[in-house]
Amino acid sequence: MITDGAGSILDYGRSTRSIPPAVYTSLVLRDWGCRFPGCDRPAEWCQGHHIWHWEDGGRTNLPNLVLLCSKHHHIIHLKGWHLKLQPGGTVEVTDPHGRVRTSDPPGHARAA
């Protein structure tokens, strides 16, 4: 079990598909809003998405979650779409045609 400084559980593993409040709060603090490349929807408009889908064995923990607005949450579940969260926080989305787009972590501008 992994907890934060206040003792809230942040890694529920496979025990629940629903994202508990402490995990969701940490997700909002990390992502700020929709992480789909080019989207600017705030966290209030977003849902937590299991990157490795729950149905396929994914865990309910921060490394396996990302905020997506409703529109992009539906898109990413369509056939051929894939999303990865890189170790540095960059989100990488691959569309059905193999095009890859990225979204840097909030507050981190990509160097030109």
C-alpha atoms as a PDB file:
ATOM      1  CA  MET A   1       0.000   0.000   0.000  1.00  0.00           C
ATOM      2  CA  ILE A   2       1.338   3.442  -0.919  1.00  0.00           C
ATOM      3  CA  THR A   3       0.172   6.492   1.046  1.00  0.00           C
ATOM      4  CA  ASP A   4       0.734  10.240   0.923  1.00  0.00           C
ATOM      5  CA  GLY A   5       2.064  12.359   3.798  1.00  0.00           C
ATOM      6  CA  ALA A   6      -1.402  12.557   5.355  1.00  0.00           C
ATOM      7  CA  GLY A   7      -1.831   8.776   5.336  1.00  0.00           C
ATOM      8  CA  SER A   8      -4.257   8.679   2.380  1.00  0.00           C
ATOM      9  CA  ILE A   9      -3.934   5.592   0.207  1.00  0.00           C
ATOM     10  CA  LEU A  10      -2.661   6.486  -3.297  1.00  0.00           C
ATOM     11  CA  ASP A  11      -2.262   2.991  -4.798  1.00  0.00           C
ATOM     12  CA  TYR A  12      -5.306   0.733  -4.703  1.00  0.00           C
ATOM     13  CA  GLY A  13      -3.908  -1.794  -7.148  1.00  0.00           C
ATOM     14  CA  ARG A  14      -6.722  -4.023  -8.397  1.00  0.00           C
ATOM     15  CA  SER A  15      -8.974  -3.614  -5.335  1.00  0.00           C
ATOM     16  CA  THR A  16     -11.184  -0.943  -6.968  1.00  0.00           C
ATOM     17  CA  ARG A  17     -11.856   0.400 -10.449  1.00  0.00           C
ATOM     18  CA  SER A  18     -13.327   3.638  -9.098  1.00  0.00           C
ATOM     19  CA  ILE A  19     -10.785   6.336  -8.385  1.00  0.00           C
ATOM     20  CA  PRO A  20     -10.935   7.171  -4.657  1.00  0.00           C
ATOM     21  CA  PRO A  21     -10.995  10.866  -3.642  1.00  0.00           C
ATOM     22  CA  ALA A  22      -7.359  11.091  -2.434  1.00  0.00           C
ATOM     23  CA  VAL A  23      -6.090   9.517  -5.671  1.00  0.00           C
ATOM     24  CA  TYR A  24      -8.313  11.797  -7.788  1.00  0.00           C
ATOM     25  CA  THR A  25      -7.072  14.872  -5.891  1.00  0.00           C
ATOM     26  CA  SER A  26      -3.467  13.832  -6.530  1.00  0.00           C
ATOM     27  CA  LEU A  27      -4.321  13.258 -10.199  1.00  0.00           C
ATOM     28  CA  VAL A  28      -5.806  16.774 -10.497  1.00  0.00           C
ATOM     29  CA  LEU A  29      -2.761  18.304  -8.787  1.00  0.00           C
ATOM     30  CA  ARG A  30      -0.472  16.469 -11.225  1.00  0.00           C
ATOM     31  CA  ASP A  31      -2.407  16.941 -14.493  1.00  0.00           C
ATOM     32  CA  TRP A  32      -4.346  20.232 -13.964  1.00  0.00           C
ATOM     33  CA  GLY A  33      -6.742  19.349 -16.816  1.00  0.00           C
ATOM     34  CA  CYS A  34      -7.194  17.216 -19.913  1.00  0.00           C
ATOM     35  CA  ARG A  35      -3.845  15.786 -20.984  1.00  0.00           C
ATOM     36  CA  PHE A  36      -4.921  14.968 -24.550  1.00  0.00           C
ATOM     37  CA  PRO A  37      -2.523  16.877 -26.837  1.00  0.00           C
ATOM     38  CA  GLY A  38      -3.929  20.310 -27.710  1.00  0.00           C
ATOM     39  CA  CYS A  39      -6.845  20.207 -25.245  1.00  0.00           C
ATOM     40  CA  ASP A  40      -7.238  22.984 -22.684  1.00  0.00           C
ATOM     41  CA  ARG A  41     -10.232  21.703 -20.704  1.00  0.00           C
ATOM     42  CA  PRO A  42      -9.794  22.275 -16.944  1.00  0.00           C
ATOM     43  CA  ALA A  43      -9.793  19.481 -14.369  1.00  0.00           C
ATOM     44  CA  GLU A  44     -13.421  20.230 -13.466  1.00  0.00           C
ATOM     45  CA  TRP A  45     -14.406  18.993 -16.945  1.00  0.00           C
ATOM     46  CA  CYS A  46     -12.285  15.826 -16.743  1.00  0.00           C
ATOM     47  CA  GLN A  47     -12.454  12.199 -15.709  1.00  0.00           C
ATOM     48  CA  GLY A  48      -9.737   9.841 -14.615  1.00  0.00           C
ATOM     49  CA  HIS A  49      -8.719   7.352 -17.318  1.00  0.00           C
ATOM     50  CA  HIS A  50      -6.924   4.050 -16.670  1.00  0.00           C
ATOM     51  CA  ILE A  51      -4.095   3.981 -19.221  1.00  0.00           C
ATOM     52  CA  TRP A  52      -3.814   0.211 -18.924  1.00  0.00           C
ATOM     53  CA  HIS A  53      -7.555  -0.425 -18.893  1.00  0.00           C
ATOM     54  CA  TRP A  54      -9.036  -1.864 -15.717  1.00  0.00           C
ATOM     55  CA  GLU A  55     -10.720  -4.633 -17.708  1.00  0.00           C
ATOM     56  CA  ASP A  56      -7.302  -5.715 -18.996  1.00  0.00           C
ATOM     57  CA  GLY A  57      -5.649  -5.848 -15.572  1.00  0.00           C
ATOM     58  CA  GLY A  58      -4.793  -2.171 -15.051  1.00  0.00           C
ATOM     59  CA  ARG A  59      -4.251  -0.797 -11.576  1.00  0.00           C
ATOM     60  CA  THR A  60      -5.862   2.172  -9.836  1.00  0.00           C
ATOM     61  CA  ASN A  61      -2.773   4.247  -9.059  1.00  0.00           C
ATOM     62  CA  LEU A  62      -1.243   7.515 -10.303  1.00  0.00           C
ATOM     63  CA  PRO A  63       1.244   5.953 -12.756  1.00  0.00           C
ATOM     64  CA  ASN A  64      -1.713   4.295 -14.525  1.00  0.00           C
ATOM     65  CA  LEU A  65      -4.100   7.268 -14.527  1.00  0.00           C
ATOM     66  CA  VAL A  66      -4.452  10.428 -16.586  1.00  0.00           C
ATOM     67  CA  LEU A  67      -7.100  13.170 -16.711  1.00  0.00           C
ATOM     68  CA  LEU A  68      -9.119  13.372 -19.929  1.00  0.00           C
ATOM     69  CA  CYS A  69     -12.148  15.488 -20.792  1.00  0.00           C
ATOM     70  CA  SER A  70     -15.260  13.529 -21.765  1.00  0.00           C
ATOM     71  CA  LYS A  71     -14.666  14.005 -25.509  1.00  0.00           C
ATOM     72  CA  HIS A  72     -11.098  12.712 -25.394  1.00  0.00           C
ATOM     73  CA  HIS A  73     -11.946   9.975 -22.895  1.00  0.00           C
ATOM     74  CA  HIS A  74     -14.436   8.576 -25.426  1.00  0.00           C
ATOM     75  CA  ILE A  75     -11.963   8.945 -28.316  1.00  0.00           C
ATOM     76  CA  ILE A  76      -9.138   7.140 -26.532  1.00  0.00           C
ATOM     77  CA  HIS A  77     -11.425   4.122 -26.014  1.00  0.00           C
ATOM     78  CA  LEU A  78     -12.046   3.785 -29.772  1.00  0.00           C
ATOM     79  CA  LYS A  79     -10.258   1.070 -31.715  1.00  0.00           C
ATOM     80  CA  GLY A  80      -6.766   2.036 -32.822  1.00  0.00           C
ATOM     81  CA  TRP A  81      -6.156   4.816 -30.293  1.00  0.00           C
ATOM     82  CA  HIS A  82      -3.378   4.397 -27.717  1.00  0.00           C
ATOM     83  CA  LEU A  83      -2.177   6.553 -24.839  1.00  0.00           C
ATOM     84  CA  LYS A  84       1.093   6.304 -22.883  1.00  0.00           C
ATOM     85  CA  LEU A  85       2.284   8.274 -19.879  1.00  0.00           C
ATOM     86  CA  GLN A  86       6.053   8.614 -20.144  1.00  0.00           C
ATOM     87  CA  PRO A  87       8.214   8.526 -16.965  1.00  0.00           C
ATOM     88  CA  GLY A  88       8.803  12.313 -17.152  1.00  0.00           C
ATOM     89  CA  GLY A  89       5.068  13.028 -17.325  1.00  0.00           C
ATOM     90  CA  THR A  90       4.684  13.544 -21.079  1.00  0.00           C
ATOM     91  CA  VAL A  91       1.512  12.016 -22.516  1.00  0.00           C
ATOM     92  CA  GLU A  92       1.906  10.337 -25.902  1.00  0.00           C
ATOM     93  CA  VAL A  93      -1.217   9.662 -27.983  1.00  0.00           C
ATOM     94  CA  THR A  94      -1.118   7.493 -31.108  1.00  0.00           C
ATOM     95  CA  ASP A  95      -4.093   7.689 -33.486  1.00  0.00           C
ATOM     96  CA  PRO A  96      -5.357   4.814 -35.679  1.00  0.00           C
ATOM     97  CA  HIS A  97      -3.117   6.026 -38.550  1.00  0.00           C
ATOM     98  CA  GLY A  98       0.030   5.787 -36.420  1.00  0.00           C
ATOM     99  CA  ARG A  99       0.448   9.545 -35.941  1.00  0.00           C
ATOM    100  CA  VAL A 100       1.908  10.378 -32.544  1.00  0.00           C
ATOM    101  CA  ARG A 101       1.162  13.581 -30.650  1.00  0.00           C
ATOM    102  CA  THR A 102       2.473  14.568 -27.238  1.00  0.00           C
ATOM    103  CA  SER A 103       1.389  16.703 -24.315  1.00  0.00           C
ATOM    104  CA  ASP A 104       4.029  17.947 -21.894  1.00  0.00           C
ATOM    105  CA  PRO A 105       3.304  17.980 -18.165  1.00  0.00           C
ATOM    106  CA  PRO A 106       1.585  21.148 -16.935  1.00  0.00           C
ATOM    107  CA  GLY A 107       4.029  23.961 -16.298  1.00  0.00           C
ATOM    108  CA  HIS A 108       6.740  22.425 -18.503  1.00  0.00           C
ATOM    109  CA  ALA A 109       7.237  24.101 -21.856  1.00  0.00           C
ATOM    110  CA  ARG A 110       9.117  22.087 -24.451  1.00  0.00           C
ATOM    111  CA  ALA A 111      12.447  23.654 -25.423  1.00  0.00           C
ATOM    112  CA  ALA A 112      12.541  24.946 -28.991  1.00  0.00           C
END
